[in-house]
Amino acid sequence: MRAMRGLYRILCGAEAFVAGSFLLLMVVLIFLGGVARMLGMPLNWTTDLATCLFAWGCFLAADVAWRSNSMMSIDVLVDRLPARLRAGIRLLNHALIIAFLLYLIVAGFYLAWVSRIRTFQGMPGVSYSWVTASLPSCALLLLVTTIRHIRAAWRGEQVASRAVDVV
């Protein structure tokens, strides 16, 4: 069991690194494409590759944020409720999230399947399924994280929120 936790921790670190790298590389590609276009030598593939990296980077970053409990939340009313009712609402919220993620997994795999024939405009021969596969793949990661949140709640473990109060 300890080995599995260690492997999970390594995978979580790799996921955070890949998400950050993809988002940074996306910015570099967009900038490179803009400079090349300004110089009269457009690189059409930069926009397509940046689109792919954006999809993967955003969905992976969503899982990183969800895992560390850093997602935006509006809990002004819920915080004023009794602890037992608060826990019930949180469990209901997690159940709704699981239902939505299951839908995204099924619909996302279908979308990836039907878009396999479509190719990028700037990268002929590369299937657009590389972009659409990010949805079900990362929804699966989010599902695992949500189940871990529920399990932690059942055990009475409280994961501190790292979200910042704006108001």
C-alpha atoms as a PDB file:
ATOM      1  CA  MET A   1       0.000   0.000   0.000  1.00  0.00           C
ATOM      2  CA  ARG A   2       2.878   2.336   0.813  1.00  0.00           C
ATOM      3  CA  ALA A   3       4.369   1.697  -2.631  1.00  0.00           C
ATOM      4  CA  MET A   4       1.056   2.633  -4.256  1.00  0.00           C
ATOM      5  CA  ARG A   5       0.952   5.906  -2.308  1.00  0.00           C
ATOM      6  CA  GLY A   6       4.509   6.666  -3.369  1.00  0.00           C
ATOM      7  CA  LEU A   7       3.684   5.924  -7.001  1.00  0.00           C
ATOM      8  CA  TYR A   8       0.560   8.087  -6.766  1.00  0.00           C
ATOM      9  CA  ARG A   9       2.606  10.946  -5.319  1.00  0.00           C
ATOM     10  CA  ILE A  10       5.119  10.656  -8.170  1.00  0.00           C
ATOM     11  CA  LEU A  11       2.306  10.622 -10.738  1.00  0.00           C
ATOM     12  CA  CYS A  12       0.739  13.698  -9.119  1.00  0.00           C
ATOM     13  CA  GLY A  13       4.039  15.549  -9.313  1.00  0.00           C
ATOM     14  CA  ALA A  14       4.485  14.529 -12.928  1.00  0.00           C
ATOM     15  CA  GLU A  15       0.936  15.656 -13.710  1.00  0.00           C
ATOM     16  CA  ALA A  16       1.601  19.096 -12.210  1.00  0.00           C
ATOM     17  CA  PHE A  17       4.885  19.396 -14.118  1.00  0.00           C
ATOM     18  CA  VAL A  18       3.300  18.368 -17.426  1.00  0.00           C
ATOM     19  CA  ALA A  19       0.343  20.738 -16.942  1.00  0.00           C
ATOM     20  CA  GLY A  20       2.621  23.684 -16.219  1.00  0.00           C
ATOM     21  CA  SER A  21       4.973  22.796 -19.057  1.00  0.00           C
ATOM     22  CA  PHE A  22       2.128  22.480 -21.555  1.00  0.00           C
ATOM     23  CA  LEU A  23       0.666  25.849 -20.595  1.00  0.00           C
ATOM     24  CA  LEU A  24       4.081  27.532 -20.766  1.00  0.00           C
ATOM     25  CA  LEU A  25       4.890  25.900 -24.108  1.00  0.00           C
ATOM     26  CA  MET A  26       1.502  27.004 -25.426  1.00  0.00           C
ATOM     27  CA  VAL A  27       2.365  30.639 -24.680  1.00  0.00           C
ATOM     28  CA  VAL A  28       5.763  30.253 -26.353  1.00  0.00           C
ATOM     29  CA  LEU A  29       4.187  28.711 -29.469  1.00  0.00           C
ATOM     30  CA  ILE A  30       1.571  31.459 -29.774  1.00  0.00           C
ATOM     31  CA  PHE A  31       4.290  34.107 -29.422  1.00  0.00           C
ATOM     32  CA  LEU A  32       6.518  32.316 -31.949  1.00  0.00           C
ATOM     33  CA  GLY A  33       3.628  32.048 -34.402  1.00  0.00           C
ATOM     34  CA  GLY A  34       2.855  35.757 -34.020  1.00  0.00           C
ATOM     35  CA  VAL A  35       6.473  36.800 -34.562  1.00  0.00           C
ATOM     36  CA  ALA A  36       6.810  34.511 -37.580  1.00  0.00           C
ATOM     37  CA  ARG A  37       3.601  35.911 -39.074  1.00  0.00           C
ATOM     38  CA  MET A  38       4.847  39.457 -38.518  1.00  0.00           C
ATOM     39  CA  LEU A  39       8.058  38.570 -40.360  1.00  0.00           C
ATOM     40  CA  GLY A  40       6.010  37.276 -43.298  1.00  0.00           C
ATOM     41  CA  MET A  41       6.758  33.576 -42.685  1.00  0.00           C
ATOM     42  CA  PRO A  42       3.658  32.216 -40.886  1.00  0.00           C
ATOM     43  CA  LEU A  43       3.929  28.975 -38.972  1.00  0.00           C
ATOM     44  CA  ASN A  44       0.360  27.667 -39.087  1.00  0.00           C
ATOM     45  CA  TRP A  45       1.138  24.590 -37.034  1.00  0.00           C
ATOM     46  CA  THR A  46       1.951  26.658 -33.919  1.00  0.00           C
ATOM     47  CA  THR A  47      -1.703  27.580 -33.357  1.00  0.00           C
ATOM     48  CA  ASP A  48      -2.855  23.987 -33.788  1.00  0.00           C
ATOM     49  CA  LEU A  49      -0.221  22.591 -31.447  1.00  0.00           C
ATOM     50  CA  ALA A  50      -0.952  25.354 -28.922  1.00  0.00           C
ATOM     51  CA  THR A  51      -4.651  24.377 -29.038  1.00  0.00           C
ATOM     52  CA  CYS A  52      -3.765  20.793 -28.207  1.00  0.00           C
ATOM     53  CA  LEU A  53      -1.413  21.813 -25.407  1.00  0.00           C
ATOM     54  CA  PHE A  54      -4.018  24.231 -24.022  1.00  0.00           C
ATOM     55  CA  ALA A  55      -6.681  21.526 -23.787  1.00  0.00           C
ATOM     56  CA  TRP A  56      -4.376  19.049 -22.071  1.00  0.00           C
ATOM     57  CA  GLY A  57      -2.746  21.673 -19.847  1.00  0.00           C
ATOM     58  CA  CYS A  58      -6.045  23.129 -18.625  1.00  0.00           C
ATOM     59  CA  PHE A  59      -7.647  19.791 -17.829  1.00  0.00           C
ATOM     60  CA  LEU A  60      -4.526  18.497 -16.083  1.00  0.00           C
ATOM     61  CA  ALA A  61      -4.259  21.742 -14.114  1.00  0.00           C
ATOM     62  CA  ALA A  62      -7.904  21.345 -13.075  1.00  0.00           C
ATOM     63  CA  ASP A  63      -7.058  17.989 -11.522  1.00  0.00           C
ATOM     64  CA  VAL A  64      -4.012  19.460  -9.772  1.00  0.00           C
ATOM     65  CA  ALA A  65      -6.180  22.249  -8.338  1.00  0.00           C
ATOM     66  CA  TRP A  66      -8.980  19.854  -7.336  1.00  0.00           C
ATOM     67  CA  ARG A  67      -6.523  17.509  -5.643  1.00  0.00           C
ATOM     68  CA  SER A  68      -5.058  20.330  -3.544  1.00  0.00           C
ATOM     69  CA  ASN A  69      -8.547  21.718  -2.826  1.00  0.00           C
ATOM     70  CA  SER A  70      -7.709  24.986  -4.585  1.00  0.00           C
ATOM     71  CA  MET A  71     -10.805  25.254  -6.733  1.00  0.00           C
ATOM     72  CA  MET A  72     -13.016  28.288  -6.498  1.00  0.00           C
ATOM     73  CA  SER A  73     -15.877  27.793  -4.083  1.00  0.00           C
ATOM     74  CA  ILE A  74     -18.730  29.914  -2.848  1.00  0.00           C
ATOM     75  CA  ASP A  75     -19.504  28.705   0.625  1.00  0.00           C
ATOM     76  CA  VAL A  76     -20.853  31.764   2.426  1.00  0.00           C
ATOM     77  CA  LEU A  77     -24.176  30.069   3.205  1.00  0.00           C
ATOM     78  CA  VAL A  78     -22.864  26.544   3.693  1.00  0.00           C
ATOM     79  CA  ASP A  79     -20.302  27.668   6.272  1.00  0.00           C
ATOM     80  CA  ARG A  80     -23.137  28.947   8.477  1.00  0.00           C
ATOM     81  CA  LEU A  81     -24.885  25.560   8.596  1.00  0.00           C
ATOM     82  CA  PRO A  82     -24.405  22.867  11.258  1.00  0.00           C
ATOM     83  CA  ALA A  83     -21.448  20.537  10.639  1.00  0.00           C
ATOM     84  CA  ARG A  84     -23.625  17.498   9.887  1.00  0.00           C
ATOM     85  CA  LEU A  85     -25.693  19.343   7.270  1.00  0.00           C
ATOM     86  CA  ARG A  86     -22.511  20.849   5.803  1.00  0.00           C
ATOM     87  CA  ALA A  87     -21.064  17.339   5.410  1.00  0.00           C
ATOM     88  CA  GLY A  88     -24.271  16.139   3.731  1.00  0.00           C
ATOM     89  CA  ILE A  89     -24.234  19.020   1.262  1.00  0.00           C
ATOM     90  CA  ARG A  90     -20.577  18.368   0.505  1.00  0.00           C
ATOM     91  CA  LEU A  91     -21.354  14.692  -0.134  1.00  0.00           C
ATOM     92  CA  LEU A  92     -24.259  15.638  -2.418  1.00  0.00           C
ATOM     93  CA  ASN A  93     -21.960  18.034  -4.241  1.00  0.00           C
ATOM     94  CA  HIS A  94     -19.392  15.282  -4.738  1.00  0.00           C
ATOM     95  CA  ALA A  95     -22.109  12.933  -6.032  1.00  0.00           C
ATOM     96  CA  LEU A  96     -23.141  15.539  -8.606  1.00  0.00           C
ATOM     97  CA  ILE A  97     -19.515  15.998  -9.618  1.00  0.00           C
ATOM     98  CA  ILE A  98     -19.110  12.228 -10.063  1.00  0.00           C
ATOM     99  CA  ALA A  99     -22.252  12.042 -12.223  1.00  0.00           C
ATOM    100  CA  PHE A 100     -20.988  14.891 -14.400  1.00  0.00           C
ATOM    101  CA  LEU A 101     -17.506  13.366 -14.702  1.00  0.00           C
ATOM    102  CA  LEU A 102     -18.968   9.994 -15.714  1.00  0.00           C
ATOM    103  CA  TYR A 103     -20.945  11.770 -18.416  1.00  0.00           C
ATOM    104  CA  LEU A 104     -17.781  13.579 -19.586  1.00  0.00           C
ATOM    105  CA  ILE A 105     -15.882  10.300 -19.746  1.00  0.00           C
ATOM    106  CA  VAL A 106     -18.512   8.575 -21.871  1.00  0.00           C
ATOM    107  CA  ALA A 107     -19.263  11.573 -24.103  1.00  0.00           C
ATOM    108  CA  GLY A 108     -15.576  12.479 -24.328  1.00  0.00           C
ATOM    109  CA  PHE A 109     -14.518   9.047 -25.553  1.00  0.00           C
ATOM    110  CA  TYR A 110     -17.318   9.171 -28.109  1.00  0.00           C
ATOM    111  CA  LEU A 111     -16.173  12.631 -29.216  1.00  0.00           C
ATOM    112  CA  ALA A 112     -12.576  11.455 -29.502  1.00  0.00           C
ATOM    113  CA  TRP A 113     -13.743   8.491 -31.573  1.00  0.00           C
ATOM    114  CA  VAL A 114     -15.847  10.511 -34.017  1.00  0.00           C
ATOM    115  CA  SER A 115     -13.173  13.207 -34.411  1.00  0.00           C
ATOM    116  CA  ARG A 116     -10.441  10.698 -35.284  1.00  0.00           C
ATOM    117  CA  ILE A 117     -10.902  11.405 -38.986  1.00  0.00           C
ATOM    118  CA  ARG A 118     -10.656  15.179 -38.585  1.00  0.00           C
ATOM    119  CA  THR A 119      -7.136  16.540 -38.887  1.00  0.00           C
ATOM    120  CA  PHE A 120      -5.532  19.794 -37.881  1.00  0.00           C
ATOM    121  CA  GLN A 121      -5.523  22.472 -40.554  1.00  0.00           C
ATOM    122  CA  GLY A 122      -1.867  23.343 -40.018  1.00  0.00           C
ATOM    123  CA  MET A 123      -0.725  19.771 -39.306  1.00  0.00           C
ATOM    124  CA  PRO A 124      -2.168  17.448 -41.936  1.00  0.00           C
ATOM    125  CA  GLY A 125      -2.080  13.813 -40.945  1.00  0.00           C
ATOM    126  CA  VAL A 126      -2.399  14.511 -37.202  1.00  0.00           C
ATOM    127  CA  SER A 127      -5.802  13.569 -35.820  1.00  0.00           C
ATOM    128  CA  TYR A 128      -7.841  16.084 -33.857  1.00  0.00           C
ATOM    129  CA  SER A 129      -8.576  13.239 -31.444  1.00  0.00           C
ATOM    130  CA  TRP A 130      -5.368  14.235 -29.665  1.00  0.00           C
ATOM    131  CA  VAL A 131      -7.238  17.324 -28.471  1.00  0.00           C
ATOM    132  CA  THR A 132     -10.602  15.714 -27.771  1.00  0.00           C
ATOM    133  CA  ALA A 133      -9.001  12.803 -25.881  1.00  0.00           C
ATOM    134  CA  SER A 134      -7.937  15.279 -23.208  1.00  0.00           C
ATOM    135  CA  LEU A 135     -11.538  15.569 -21.985  1.00  0.00           C
ATOM    136  CA  PRO A 136     -12.250  11.936 -21.041  1.00  0.00           C
ATOM    137  CA  SER A 137      -8.679  11.238 -19.953  1.00  0.00           C
ATOM    138  CA  CYS A 138      -8.546  14.124 -17.518  1.00  0.00           C
ATOM    139  CA  ALA A 139     -12.151  13.560 -16.418  1.00  0.00           C
ATOM    140  CA  LEU A 140     -10.993  10.107 -15.360  1.00  0.00           C
ATOM    141  CA  LEU A 141      -8.195  11.702 -13.312  1.00  0.00           C
ATOM    142  CA  LEU A 142     -10.708  14.125 -11.783  1.00  0.00           C
ATOM    143  CA  LEU A 143     -12.973  11.177 -10.940  1.00  0.00           C
ATOM    144  CA  VAL A 144     -10.149   9.464  -9.048  1.00  0.00           C
ATOM    145  CA  THR A 145      -9.473  12.699  -7.160  1.00  0.00           C
ATOM    146  CA  THR A 146     -13.165  13.118  -6.320  1.00  0.00           C
ATOM    147  CA  ILE A 147     -13.373   9.571  -4.996  1.00  0.00           C
ATOM    148  CA  ARG A 148     -10.296  10.265  -2.870  1.00  0.00           C
ATOM    149  CA  HIS A 149     -12.028  13.402  -1.517  1.00  0.00           C
ATOM    150  CA  ILE A 150     -15.102  11.356  -0.560  1.00  0.00           C
ATOM    151  CA  ARG A 151     -12.967   8.670   1.049  1.00  0.00           C
ATOM    152  CA  ALA A 152     -11.103  11.312   3.060  1.00  0.00           C
ATOM    153  CA  ALA A 153     -14.413  12.828   4.188  1.00  0.00           C
ATOM    154  CA  TRP A 154     -15.689   9.408   5.324  1.00  0.00           C
ATOM    155  CA  ARG A 155     -12.511   8.936   7.342  1.00  0.00           C
ATOM    156  CA  GLY A 156     -12.986  12.323   8.946  1.00  0.00           C
ATOM    157  CA  GLU A 157      -9.866  13.771   7.356  1.00  0.00           C
ATOM    158  CA  GLN A 158     -10.258  17.446   6.574  1.00  0.00           C
ATOM    159  CA  VAL A 159      -8.298  18.712   3.598  1.00  0.00           C
ATOM    160  CA  ALA A 160      -7.542  22.368   4.144  1.00  0.00           C
ATOM    161  CA  SER A 161      -8.589  24.636   1.305  1.00  0.00           C
ATOM    162  CA  ARG A 162      -5.786  26.533  -0.360  1.00  0.00           C
ATOM    163  CA  ALA A 163      -8.210  28.812  -2.157  1.00  0.00           C
ATOM    164  CA  VAL A 164      -7.812  32.499  -1.413  1.00  0.00           C
ATOM    165  CA  ASP A 165     -10.711  34.581  -0.133  1.00  0.00           C
ATOM    166  CA  VAL A 166     -11.342  37.435  -2.532  1.00  0.00           C
ATOM    167  CA  VAL A 167     -14.065  39.191  -0.608  1.00  0.00           C
END
